[in-house]
Each structure stands twice: as structure tokens, then as C-alpha cells.
Amino acid sequence: MDALTTPFLTGTATGAILLMAALGLTLTFGQMGVINMANGEFLMAGAYAAYATQQLIGNAGLALVVAIPVSFLVAGLLGLLLEVSIIRWMYQRPLDTLLVTVGVALVLQQLAKDVFGAQGDPVVLPSWLNGNIPVFGYNWPFRQLFTIVLALAALGGLSAVLKYSTFGRRIRATVQYRDLAETLGIPTRSVDRITFFLGSGLAGVGGVAIALISGTNPTLGTTYIIPAFLVVVAGGVGQLKGTVIAAWVVGVVTAFLTDWTSGSMAQVLTFALVVVFLQVRPQGLFTVRTRSLA
């Protein structure tokens, strides 16, 4: 039982991190068609924001509580800066956004190395996360359970914003038919900017979870960016429910394959399985329903 429980629970925690990384991509890629390869560095920024907050406050428990909104704000502002300075000129040119955001990612990695060093720094766990809960013979760390709770909270908050707020309705209108939304007076440029801020900030929150599990590292974003894009595409571009399912499946499958092979081979096999799935269902698990004026 432990041979099945361990990768299942560990993979669920990994899927939670992928979900937080993919939520931002679901918004930016799904709404604006922007292939943002720097989204992994927003994860990294969130992790370093958590580390810096802990160094400043000292108390690990209080620092974690403060670090969540701080990381959201730091990563969100980085995303907003990227949108207003570069991405705004490249809409409808996805390959150009891919190339330029790869360059931005490299710049942010080097900046992190210059400021914090190349080795990375550990983040001290609060006392209430220093423990385990027994589940079918496996001692499941509290920090992994916290990661899942954090991801569910981010998902719930985003879902509430999209469903109940005026801004959320504007996002959905822009996604479904941008031209019609503009004729109805919706400021789609403002929607794009705020959406980029929101999506990047969610990645920053994911960075807090990564910092608690594996510490900080200037290149940690490269570990998650490709799986996060796989999650978005496999779930259906712009579809939250598909993103949730795909994140969990990719996380669990990768954990099982890692248990049987190596970490790098597990990622290769997971990538191959997703590619095979997309050959069968190229639109992903779910598709966006749009209105046609024809």
C-alpha cells in the first residue's frame, strides 16, 4: 500500500504547485494568446519574496502569513511590468512572445543569481508545518498538505473573481469575443493588464509553496514551466476545470514514473503521454464555448 500511497500523495502536492503555475498561464495564454515562458521566473520571484520576508521578519510563522500576499504582489508587478513594456506590442504574435519571454526569463535568472547567489537559500518551516500526518502507512509532511490547501484557496479565489465580480465578467467576455466586448465598451487593454497581474501573482503564490518544500534557487522556474504549459494545453486552453484535472493527473503520473525510473526520465515519459493524449484530443479535456456573429 505504501508503494502506491507515497507517489499518489507526493504527486498530488506536485500537482498543486503545477496548478498554481498553470492558473496564470490559463489566463494569459487562454485570454491573450501569450506564450509566457517567464512565468516560471515569477514562481522563482515568489519563492525569493518568501525568503526575503522571512529574513526581514524573523518569525517563521508570521513571515509565511505575510509572504503570501507579498509574493503575489511582487510576481504580479513583474508580470504587469512585462505586459506594459514588451508584451503589449506583441499580441497576435505568439511565437514572438515565446522568444522574448525566454530572454526575459534568462535576465531574471541572472538577476536572482547576482542578488541572492547561485546556490539558493533554504526557507525555515514554521513550527506548525514541522510534522507529518500518517496516511496508509506514509508519513505525509504537513508542508505538502499546506501546498494543496494553498492551491485550493488560490483556485477558489480566482473562480469567485471570474464568476461573481464585474472584472471577472469582463475577463470572460474578452475571452469569448474580444471584438464584441470592445464594442460594448469593455476596456480590453485594462482587462489584459490586470489579468496579467493576476496570473503572474498566482504564480508568485506557487513560489511560496516551492520555497517551503525545496527552498529557493535561481533556476527553479525551469523545472515547472514546461509541465505547467502541458497542464494548460491538456486541460483545454482557458478552462479552469480542465487545468485542475490535468495538473493533478500530470503531478501524480510524474510521481509514479519517478518512483519507477528517474526524475528526468519521468518528465520525458509524462511529456510523451501528454503528446499522445493531444493527438487523440487536440482541443484538450474541455474547450471554450464562443459565440459566433456569422
C-alpha atoms as a PDB file:
ATOM      1  CA  MET A   1       0.000   0.000   0.000  1.00  0.00           C
ATOM      2  CA  ASP A   2       2.847   2.396   0.840  1.00  0.00           C
ATOM      3  CA  ALA A   3       4.307   1.890  -2.660  1.00  0.00           C
ATOM      4  CA  LEU A   4       1.097   3.355  -4.070  1.00  0.00           C
ATOM      5  CA  THR A   5       0.302   5.881  -1.342  1.00  0.00           C
ATOM      6  CA  THR A   6       3.656   7.685  -1.381  1.00  0.00           C
ATOM      7  CA  PRO A   7       3.738   8.699  -5.080  1.00  0.00           C
ATOM      8  CA  PHE A   8      -0.008   9.387  -5.043  1.00  0.00           C
ATOM      9  CA  LEU A   9       0.187  11.883  -2.168  1.00  0.00           C
ATOM     10  CA  THR A  10       3.508  13.361  -3.284  1.00  0.00           C
ATOM     11  CA  GLY A  11       2.163  13.701  -6.824  1.00  0.00           C
ATOM     12  CA  THR A  12      -0.952  15.429  -5.543  1.00  0.00           C
ATOM     13  CA  ALA A  13       1.244  18.039  -3.828  1.00  0.00           C
ATOM     14  CA  THR A  14       3.281  18.439  -7.017  1.00  0.00           C
ATOM     15  CA  GLY A  15       0.048  18.818  -8.955  1.00  0.00           C
ATOM     16  CA  ALA A  16      -0.980  21.597  -6.566  1.00  0.00           C
ATOM     17  CA  ILE A  17       2.183  23.540  -7.426  1.00  0.00           C
ATOM     18  CA  LEU A  18       1.622  22.934 -11.139  1.00  0.00           C
ATOM     19  CA  LEU A  19      -1.932  24.169 -10.700  1.00  0.00           C
ATOM     20  CA  MET A  20      -0.779  27.483  -9.209  1.00  0.00           C
ATOM     21  CA  ALA A  21       1.747  27.885 -12.027  1.00  0.00           C
ATOM     22  CA  ALA A  22      -0.821  26.925 -14.657  1.00  0.00           C
ATOM     23  CA  LEU A  23      -3.608  29.183 -13.361  1.00  0.00           C
ATOM     24  CA  GLY A  24      -1.672  32.231 -14.508  1.00  0.00           C
ATOM     25  CA  LEU A  25      -0.902  30.644 -17.867  1.00  0.00           C
ATOM     26  CA  THR A  26      -4.561  29.706 -18.267  1.00  0.00           C
ATOM     27  CA  LEU A  27      -5.421  33.399 -18.023  1.00  0.00           C
ATOM     28  CA  THR A  28      -2.608  34.873 -20.103  1.00  0.00           C
ATOM     29  CA  PHE A  29      -2.368  32.135 -22.726  1.00  0.00           C
ATOM     30  CA  GLY A  30      -6.096  31.438 -22.824  1.00  0.00           C
ATOM     31  CA  GLN A  31      -7.212  35.054 -22.998  1.00  0.00           C
ATOM     32  CA  MET A  32      -4.402  36.826 -24.797  1.00  0.00           C
ATOM     33  CA  GLY A  33      -2.596  34.069 -26.686  1.00  0.00           C
ATOM     34  CA  VAL A  34       0.682  34.999 -24.979  1.00  0.00           C
ATOM     35  CA  ILE A  35       3.211  32.188 -24.553  1.00  0.00           C
ATOM     36  CA  ASN A  36       4.854  33.488 -21.390  1.00  0.00           C
ATOM     37  CA  MET A  37       7.978  31.437 -20.741  1.00  0.00           C
ATOM     38  CA  ALA A  38       8.910  33.855 -17.944  1.00  0.00           C
ATOM     39  CA  ASN A  39       6.022  32.562 -15.821  1.00  0.00           C
ATOM     40  CA  GLY A  40       8.462  30.105 -14.219  1.00  0.00           C
ATOM     41  CA  GLU A  41      10.577  33.041 -13.094  1.00  0.00           C
ATOM     42  CA  PHE A  42       7.502  34.539 -11.430  1.00  0.00           C
ATOM     43  CA  LEU A  43       7.420  31.334  -9.381  1.00  0.00           C
ATOM     44  CA  MET A  44      11.066  31.978  -8.561  1.00  0.00           C
ATOM     45  CA  ALA A  45      10.294  35.592  -7.635  1.00  0.00           C
ATOM     46  CA  GLY A  46       7.584  34.414  -5.259  1.00  0.00           C
ATOM     47  CA  ALA A  47       9.994  31.970  -3.625  1.00  0.00           C
ATOM     48  CA  TYR A  48      12.626  34.654  -3.099  1.00  0.00           C
ATOM     49  CA  ALA A  49       9.991  37.078  -1.826  1.00  0.00           C
ATOM     50  CA  ALA A  50       9.074  34.466   0.798  1.00  0.00           C
ATOM     51  CA  TYR A  51      12.745  34.078   1.725  1.00  0.00           C
ATOM     52  CA  ALA A  52      13.305  37.840   1.946  1.00  0.00           C
ATOM     53  CA  THR A  53      10.159  38.277   4.047  1.00  0.00           C
ATOM     54  CA  GLN A  54      11.366  35.624   6.454  1.00  0.00           C
ATOM     55  CA  GLN A  55      14.778  37.274   6.733  1.00  0.00           C
ATOM     56  CA  LEU A  56      13.135  40.615   7.439  1.00  0.00           C
ATOM     57  CA  ILE A  57      10.524  39.452   9.974  1.00  0.00           C
ATOM     58  CA  GLY A  58      12.371  36.581  11.603  1.00  0.00           C
ATOM     59  CA  ASN A  59       9.361  34.723  12.992  1.00  0.00           C
ATOM     60  CA  ALA A  60       8.792  31.865  10.538  1.00  0.00           C
ATOM     61  CA  GLY A  61       5.060  31.552  11.166  1.00  0.00           C
ATOM     62  CA  LEU A  62       4.268  35.245  10.839  1.00  0.00           C
ATOM     63  CA  ALA A  63       6.649  35.541   7.892  1.00  0.00           C
ATOM     64  CA  LEU A  64       4.764  32.835   5.998  1.00  0.00           C
ATOM     65  CA  VAL A  65       1.439  34.584   6.501  1.00  0.00           C
ATOM     66  CA  VAL A  66       2.924  37.881   5.283  1.00  0.00           C
ATOM     67  CA  ALA A  67       4.875  36.228   2.463  1.00  0.00           C
ATOM     68  CA  ILE A  68       1.774  35.000   0.624  1.00  0.00           C
ATOM     69  CA  PRO A  69       0.363  38.464  -0.253  1.00  0.00           C
ATOM     70  CA  VAL A  70       3.888  39.876  -0.655  1.00  0.00           C
ATOM     71  CA  SER A  71       4.823  37.161  -3.164  1.00  0.00           C
ATOM     72  CA  PHE A  72       1.555  37.705  -5.016  1.00  0.00           C
ATOM     73  CA  LEU A  73       2.277  41.431  -5.237  1.00  0.00           C
ATOM     74  CA  VAL A  74       5.936  41.058  -6.272  1.00  0.00           C
ATOM     75  CA  ALA A  75       5.260  38.496  -9.007  1.00  0.00           C
ATOM     76  CA  GLY A  76       2.141  40.359 -10.122  1.00  0.00           C
ATOM     77  CA  LEU A  77       4.044  43.610 -10.538  1.00  0.00           C
ATOM     78  CA  LEU A  78       6.763  41.816 -12.515  1.00  0.00           C
ATOM     79  CA  GLY A  79       4.085  40.413 -14.807  1.00  0.00           C
ATOM     80  CA  LEU A  80       2.441  43.812 -15.171  1.00  0.00           C
ATOM     81  CA  LEU A  81       5.800  45.401 -15.996  1.00  0.00           C
ATOM     82  CA  LEU A  82       6.412  42.720 -18.634  1.00  0.00           C
ATOM     83  CA  GLU A  83       2.993  43.333 -20.189  1.00  0.00           C
ATOM     84  CA  VAL A  84       3.143  47.129 -20.385  1.00  0.00           C
ATOM     85  CA  SER A  85       6.769  47.265 -21.550  1.00  0.00           C
ATOM     86  CA  ILE A  86       7.023  44.368 -24.039  1.00  0.00           C
ATOM     87  CA  ILE A  87       4.035  42.069 -24.424  1.00  0.00           C
ATOM     88  CA  ARG A  88       1.572  44.835 -25.327  1.00  0.00           C
ATOM     89  CA  TRP A  89       3.354  45.231 -28.669  1.00  0.00           C
ATOM     90  CA  MET A  90       3.236  41.505 -29.497  1.00  0.00           C
ATOM     91  CA  TYR A  91      -0.392  40.417 -29.241  1.00  0.00           C
ATOM     92  CA  GLN A  92      -1.430  38.087 -32.064  1.00  0.00           C
ATOM     93  CA  ARG A  93       2.252  37.101 -32.441  1.00  0.00           C
ATOM     94  CA  PRO A  94       2.617  34.088 -30.125  1.00  0.00           C
ATOM     95  CA  LEU A  95       5.997  32.951 -31.439  1.00  0.00           C
ATOM     96  CA  ASP A  96       7.433  36.404 -30.792  1.00  0.00           C
ATOM     97  CA  THR A  97       6.089  36.354 -27.230  1.00  0.00           C
ATOM     98  CA  LEU A  98       7.702  32.946 -26.718  1.00  0.00           C
ATOM     99  CA  LEU A  99      11.115  34.178 -27.855  1.00  0.00           C
ATOM    100  CA  VAL A 100      11.047  37.452 -25.934  1.00  0.00           C
ATOM    101  CA  THR A 101       9.827  35.874 -22.694  1.00  0.00           C
ATOM    102  CA  VAL A 102      12.598  33.257 -22.885  1.00  0.00           C
ATOM    103  CA  GLY A 103      15.009  36.200 -22.935  1.00  0.00           C
ATOM    104  CA  VAL A 104      13.209  37.843 -20.008  1.00  0.00           C
ATOM    105  CA  ALA A 105      13.410  34.555 -18.086  1.00  0.00           C
ATOM    106  CA  LEU A 106      17.187  34.400 -18.577  1.00  0.00           C
ATOM    107  CA  VAL A 107      17.550  38.009 -17.427  1.00  0.00           C
ATOM    108  CA  LEU A 108      15.517  37.340 -14.266  1.00  0.00           C
ATOM    109  CA  GLN A 109      17.546  34.208 -13.525  1.00  0.00           C
ATOM    110  CA  GLN A 110      20.799  36.136 -13.800  1.00  0.00           C
ATOM    111  CA  LEU A 111      19.388  38.951 -11.660  1.00  0.00           C
ATOM    112  CA  ALA A 112      18.473  36.431  -8.962  1.00  0.00           C
ATOM    113  CA  LYS A 113      21.986  34.973  -9.084  1.00  0.00           C
ATOM    114  CA  ASP A 114      23.527  38.434  -8.727  1.00  0.00           C
ATOM    115  CA  VAL A 115      21.304  39.401  -5.793  1.00  0.00           C
ATOM    116  CA  PHE A 116      20.928  36.130  -3.872  1.00  0.00           C
ATOM    117  CA  GLY A 117      23.772  33.969  -5.182  1.00  0.00           C
ATOM    118  CA  ALA A 118      23.807  30.928  -7.430  1.00  0.00           C
ATOM    119  CA  GLN A 119      23.334  28.274  -4.742  1.00  0.00           C
ATOM    120  CA  GLY A 120      19.915  29.261  -3.435  1.00  0.00           C
ATOM    121  CA  ASP A 121      18.800  29.614   0.167  1.00  0.00           C
ATOM    122  CA  PRO A 122      16.606  27.467   2.429  1.00  0.00           C
ATOM    123  CA  VAL A 123      13.348  28.732   3.891  1.00  0.00           C
ATOM    124  CA  VAL A 124      12.686  27.799   7.513  1.00  0.00           C
ATOM    125  CA  LEU A 125       9.419  25.958   8.085  1.00  0.00           C
ATOM    126  CA  PRO A 126       7.073  27.318  10.757  1.00  0.00           C
ATOM    127  CA  SER A 127       6.713  25.029  13.752  1.00  0.00           C
ATOM    128  CA  TRP A 128       3.140  24.144  12.757  1.00  0.00           C
ATOM    129  CA  LEU A 129       4.396  22.780   9.426  1.00  0.00           C
ATOM    130  CA  ASN A 130       7.180  20.720  11.013  1.00  0.00           C
ATOM    131  CA  GLY A 131       5.371  17.442  11.213  1.00  0.00           C
ATOM    132  CA  ASN A 132       3.633  14.618   9.401  1.00  0.00           C
ATOM    133  CA  ILE A 133       0.236  13.015   9.219  1.00  0.00           C
ATOM    134  CA  PRO A 134       0.084   9.213   8.789  1.00  0.00           C
ATOM    135  CA  VAL A 135      -1.891   8.165   5.694  1.00  0.00           C
ATOM    136  CA  PHE A 136      -1.999   4.428   4.934  1.00  0.00           C
ATOM    137  CA  GLY A 137       1.499   3.897   6.294  1.00  0.00           C
ATOM    138  CA  TYR A 138       3.033   7.015   4.726  1.00  0.00           C
ATOM    139  CA  ASN A 139       4.008   9.991   6.868  1.00  0.00           C
ATOM    140  CA  TRP A 140       2.665  12.808   4.725  1.00  0.00           C
ATOM    141  CA  PRO A 141       4.519  16.074   5.505  1.00  0.00           C
ATOM    142  CA  PHE A 142       2.349  18.972   6.638  1.00  0.00           C
ATOM    143  CA  ARG A 143       4.138  21.238   4.173  1.00  0.00           C
ATOM    144  CA  GLN A 144       2.783  19.200   1.251  1.00  0.00           C
ATOM    145  CA  LEU A 145      -0.701  19.301   2.733  1.00  0.00           C
ATOM    146  CA  PHE A 146      -0.326  23.076   3.124  1.00  0.00           C
ATOM    147  CA  THR A 147       0.625  23.310  -0.552  1.00  0.00           C
ATOM    148  CA  ILE A 148      -2.636  21.629  -1.533  1.00  0.00           C
ATOM    149  CA  VAL A 149      -4.675  23.896   0.754  1.00  0.00           C
ATOM    150  CA  LEU A 150      -2.903  26.952  -0.701  1.00  0.00           C
ATOM    151  CA  ALA A 151      -3.615  25.814  -4.269  1.00  0.00           C
ATOM    152  CA  LEU A 152      -7.283  25.179  -3.474  1.00  0.00           C
ATOM    153  CA  ALA A 153      -7.531  28.630  -1.866  1.00  0.00           C
ATOM    154  CA  ALA A 154      -5.970  30.244  -4.961  1.00  0.00           C
ATOM    155  CA  LEU A 155      -8.318  28.289  -7.223  1.00  0.00           C
ATOM    156  CA  GLY A 156     -11.353  29.214  -5.129  1.00  0.00           C
ATOM    157  CA  GLY A 157     -10.396  32.878  -5.056  1.00  0.00           C
ATOM    158  CA  LEU A 158      -9.822  33.003  -8.805  1.00  0.00           C
ATOM    159  CA  SER A 159     -13.059  31.141  -9.527  1.00  0.00           C
ATOM    160  CA  ALA A 160     -15.003  33.567  -7.324  1.00  0.00           C
ATOM    161  CA  VAL A 161     -13.451  36.562  -9.076  1.00  0.00           C
ATOM    162  CA  LEU A 162     -14.246  35.185 -12.527  1.00  0.00           C
ATOM    163  CA  LYS A 163     -17.806  34.165 -11.645  1.00  0.00           C
ATOM    164  CA  TYR A 164     -19.086  36.874  -9.330  1.00  0.00           C
ATOM    165  CA  SER A 165     -17.118  40.085  -9.887  1.00  0.00           C
ATOM    166  CA  THR A 166     -17.588  42.694 -12.594  1.00  0.00           C
ATOM    167  CA  PHE A 167     -13.950  42.301 -13.565  1.00  0.00           C
ATOM    168  CA  GLY A 168     -14.401  38.539 -13.878  1.00  0.00           C
ATOM    169  CA  ARG A 169     -17.329  39.023 -16.237  1.00  0.00           C
ATOM    170  CA  ARG A 170     -15.176  41.355 -18.306  1.00  0.00           C
ATOM    171  CA  ILE A 171     -12.462  38.716 -18.498  1.00  0.00           C
ATOM    172  CA  ARG A 172     -14.936  36.081 -19.645  1.00  0.00           C
ATOM    173  CA  ALA A 173     -16.426  38.455 -22.211  1.00  0.00           C
ATOM    174  CA  THR A 174     -12.977  39.286 -23.563  1.00  0.00           C
ATOM    175  CA  VAL A 175     -12.039  35.607 -23.780  1.00  0.00           C
ATOM    176  CA  GLN A 176     -15.218  34.629 -25.614  1.00  0.00           C
ATOM    177  CA  TYR A 177     -15.328  37.505 -28.114  1.00  0.00           C
ATOM    178  CA  ARG A 178     -12.847  40.354 -27.801  1.00  0.00           C
ATOM    179  CA  ASP A 179     -14.181  42.484 -30.650  1.00  0.00           C
ATOM    180  CA  LEU A 180     -17.737  42.315 -29.359  1.00  0.00           C
ATOM    181  CA  ALA A 181     -16.548  43.112 -25.830  1.00  0.00           C
ATOM    182  CA  GLU A 182     -14.850  46.242 -27.151  1.00  0.00           C
ATOM    183  CA  THR A 183     -17.991  47.381 -28.972  1.00  0.00           C
ATOM    184  CA  LEU A 184     -19.892  47.012 -25.675  1.00  0.00           C
ATOM    185  CA  GLY A 185     -17.466  49.431 -24.019  1.00  0.00           C
ATOM    186  CA  ILE A 186     -15.284  46.953 -22.118  1.00  0.00           C
ATOM    187  CA  PRO A 187     -11.725  48.372 -21.859  1.00  0.00           C
ATOM    188  CA  THR A 188      -9.970  45.239 -23.062  1.00  0.00           C
ATOM    189  CA  ARG A 189      -6.489  46.774 -22.698  1.00  0.00           C
ATOM    190  CA  SER A 190      -7.102  47.396 -18.995  1.00  0.00           C
ATOM    191  CA  VAL A 191      -8.530  43.886 -18.688  1.00  0.00           C
ATOM    192  CA  ASP A 192      -5.362  42.490 -20.293  1.00  0.00           C
ATOM    193  CA  ARG A 193      -3.083  44.358 -17.904  1.00  0.00           C
ATOM    194  CA  ILE A 194      -4.971  43.373 -14.760  1.00  0.00           C
ATOM    195  CA  THR A 195      -5.296  39.787 -15.977  1.00  0.00           C
ATOM    196  CA  PHE A 196      -1.537  39.614 -16.499  1.00  0.00           C
ATOM    197  CA  PHE A 197      -1.021  40.981 -12.984  1.00  0.00           C
ATOM    198  CA  LEU A 198      -3.449  38.446 -11.540  1.00  0.00           C
ATOM    199  CA  GLY A 199      -1.995  35.466 -13.401  1.00  0.00           C
ATOM    200  CA  SER A 200       1.587  36.382 -12.525  1.00  0.00           C
ATOM    201  CA  GLY A 201       0.654  36.937  -8.890  1.00  0.00           C
ATOM    202  CA  LEU A 202      -0.836  33.444  -8.671  1.00  0.00           C
ATOM    203  CA  ALA A 203       2.487  32.059  -9.895  1.00  0.00           C
ATOM    204  CA  GLY A 204       4.186  34.008  -7.106  1.00  0.00           C
ATOM    205  CA  VAL A 205       1.953  32.296  -4.546  1.00  0.00           C
ATOM    206  CA  GLY A 206       3.045  28.981  -6.033  1.00  0.00           C
ATOM    207  CA  GLY A 207       6.625  30.080  -5.416  1.00  0.00           C
ATOM    208  CA  VAL A 208       5.890  30.285  -1.688  1.00  0.00           C
ATOM    209  CA  ALA A 209       4.860  26.623  -1.705  1.00  0.00           C
ATOM    210  CA  ILE A 210       8.007  25.657  -3.621  1.00  0.00           C
ATOM    211  CA  ALA A 211      10.187  27.581  -1.156  1.00  0.00           C
ATOM    212  CA  LEU A 212       8.693  25.616   1.745  1.00  0.00           C
ATOM    213  CA  ILE A 213       9.334  22.275   0.051  1.00  0.00           C
ATOM    214  CA  SER A 214      12.681  22.738  -1.698  1.00  0.00           C
ATOM    215  CA  GLY A 215      13.978  26.210  -0.824  1.00  0.00           C
ATOM    216  CA  THR A 216      14.936  28.901  -3.300  1.00  0.00           C
ATOM    217  CA  ASN A 217      17.007  28.605  -6.446  1.00  0.00           C
ATOM    218  CA  PRO A 218      17.569  30.998  -9.375  1.00  0.00           C
ATOM    219  CA  THR A 219      16.630  28.281 -11.877  1.00  0.00           C
ATOM    220  CA  LEU A 220      13.676  26.672 -10.078  1.00  0.00           C
ATOM    221  CA  GLY A 221      11.247  28.118 -12.612  1.00  0.00           C
ATOM    222  CA  THR A 222      12.697  25.987 -15.415  1.00  0.00           C
ATOM    223  CA  THR A 223      11.596  22.862 -13.533  1.00  0.00           C
ATOM    224  CA  TYR A 224       7.933  23.839 -13.651  1.00  0.00           C
ATOM    225  CA  ILE A 225       7.346  25.949 -16.758  1.00  0.00           C
ATOM    226  CA  ILE A 226       7.119  23.141 -19.342  1.00  0.00           C
ATOM    227  CA  PRO A 227       4.890  20.889 -17.168  1.00  0.00           C
ATOM    228  CA  ALA A 228       2.690  23.933 -16.458  1.00  0.00           C
ATOM    229  CA  PHE A 229       2.198  24.544 -20.175  1.00  0.00           C
ATOM    230  CA  LEU A 230       1.427  20.854 -20.651  1.00  0.00           C
ATOM    231  CA  VAL A 231      -1.243  21.182 -17.977  1.00  0.00           C
ATOM    232  CA  VAL A 232      -2.814  24.204 -19.700  1.00  0.00           C
ATOM    233  CA  VAL A 233      -2.880  22.592 -23.138  1.00  0.00           C
ATOM    234  CA  ALA A 234      -4.039  19.179 -21.912  1.00  0.00           C
ATOM    235  CA  GLY A 235      -6.784  20.702 -19.773  1.00  0.00           C
ATOM    236  CA  GLY A 236      -8.075  22.898 -22.579  1.00  0.00           C
ATOM    237  CA  VAL A 237      -6.802  26.422 -23.136  1.00  0.00           C
ATOM    238  CA  GLY A 238      -8.619  28.883 -20.897  1.00  0.00           C
ATOM    239  CA  GLN A 239     -10.533  26.189 -18.978  1.00  0.00           C
ATOM    240  CA  LEU A 240     -10.103  26.207 -15.181  1.00  0.00           C
ATOM    241  CA  LYS A 241     -11.747  22.839 -14.572  1.00  0.00           C
ATOM    242  CA  GLY A 242      -9.565  21.213 -17.212  1.00  0.00           C
ATOM    243  CA  THR A 243      -6.485  22.839 -15.704  1.00  0.00           C
ATOM    244  CA  VAL A 244      -7.319  21.418 -12.264  1.00  0.00           C
ATOM    245  CA  ILE A 245      -7.770  17.872 -13.571  1.00  0.00           C
ATOM    246  CA  ALA A 246      -4.715  17.995 -15.818  1.00  0.00           C
ATOM    247  CA  ALA A 247      -2.490  19.408 -13.050  1.00  0.00           C
ATOM    248  CA  TRP A 248      -3.449  16.604 -10.689  1.00  0.00           C
ATOM    249  CA  VAL A 249      -3.012  13.895 -13.348  1.00  0.00           C
ATOM    250  CA  VAL A 250       0.370  15.212 -14.523  1.00  0.00           C
ATOM    251  CA  GLY A 251       1.607  15.543 -10.926  1.00  0.00           C
ATOM    252  CA  VAL A 252       0.534  12.030  -9.922  1.00  0.00           C
ATOM    253  CA  VAL A 253       1.718  10.356 -13.138  1.00  0.00           C
ATOM    254  CA  THR A 254       5.108  12.079 -12.851  1.00  0.00           C
ATOM    255  CA  ALA A 255       5.422  10.943  -9.217  1.00  0.00           C
ATOM    256  CA  PHE A 256       4.640   7.325 -10.104  1.00  0.00           C
ATOM    257  CA  LEU A 257       7.070   7.358 -13.026  1.00  0.00           C
ATOM    258  CA  THR A 258       9.759   8.945 -10.836  1.00  0.00           C
ATOM    259  CA  ASP A 259       9.252   6.130  -8.342  1.00  0.00           C
ATOM    260  CA  TRP A 260       9.855   3.580 -11.080  1.00  0.00           C
ATOM    261  CA  THR A 261      12.537   5.358 -13.123  1.00  0.00           C
ATOM    262  CA  SER A 262      14.458   8.622 -12.617  1.00  0.00           C
ATOM    263  CA  GLY A 263      13.198  12.178 -12.286  1.00  0.00           C
ATOM    264  CA  SER A 264      14.356  13.295 -15.735  1.00  0.00           C
ATOM    265  CA  MET A 265      13.054  10.155 -17.444  1.00  0.00           C
ATOM    266  CA  ALA A 266       9.721  10.582 -15.647  1.00  0.00           C
ATOM    267  CA  GLN A 267       9.344  14.080 -17.104  1.00  0.00           C
ATOM    268  CA  VAL A 268      10.163  12.789 -20.594  1.00  0.00           C
ATOM    269  CA  LEU A 269       7.618   9.970 -20.316  1.00  0.00           C
ATOM    270  CA  THR A 270       4.960  12.335 -18.937  1.00  0.00           C
ATOM    271  CA  PHE A 271       5.590  14.724 -21.826  1.00  0.00           C
ATOM    272  CA  ALA A 272       5.234  11.840 -24.273  1.00  0.00           C
ATOM    273  CA  LEU A 273       1.958  10.709 -22.697  1.00  0.00           C
ATOM    274  CA  VAL A 274       0.532  14.239 -22.925  1.00  0.00           C
ATOM    275  CA  VAL A 275       1.575  14.481 -26.586  1.00  0.00           C
ATOM    276  CA  VAL A 276      -0.184  11.166 -27.305  1.00  0.00           C
ATOM    277  CA  PHE A 277      -3.293  12.434 -25.499  1.00  0.00           C
ATOM    278  CA  LEU A 278      -3.279  15.631 -27.577  1.00  0.00           C
ATOM    279  CA  GLN A 279      -3.059  13.572 -30.760  1.00  0.00           C
ATOM    280  CA  VAL A 280      -6.297  11.886 -29.735  1.00  0.00           C
ATOM    281  CA  ARG A 281      -7.957  15.022 -28.350  1.00  0.00           C
ATOM    282  CA  PRO A 282      -6.130  18.108 -29.649  1.00  0.00           C
ATOM    283  CA  GLN A 283      -8.572  20.537 -28.010  1.00  0.00           C
ATOM    284  CA  GLY A 284      -7.724  19.178 -24.556  1.00  0.00           C
ATOM    285  CA  LEU A 285     -10.160  17.958 -21.927  1.00  0.00           C
ATOM    286  CA  PHE A 286     -12.501  20.940 -22.293  1.00  0.00           C
ATOM    287  CA  THR A 287     -12.951  23.706 -24.841  1.00  0.00           C
ATOM    288  CA  VAL A 288     -14.055  27.314 -24.609  1.00  0.00           C
ATOM    289  CA  ARG A 289     -17.528  27.901 -25.960  1.00  0.00           C
ATOM    290  CA  THR A 290     -17.659  31.055 -28.042  1.00  0.00           C
ATOM    291  CA  ARG A 291     -20.428  32.975 -29.765  1.00  0.00           C
ATOM    292  CA  SER A 292     -20.310  33.461 -33.494  1.00  0.00           C
ATOM    293  CA  LEU A 293     -21.781  36.518 -35.175  1.00  0.00           C
ATOM    294  CA  ALA A 294     -21.967  34.770 -38.540  1.00  0.00           C
END
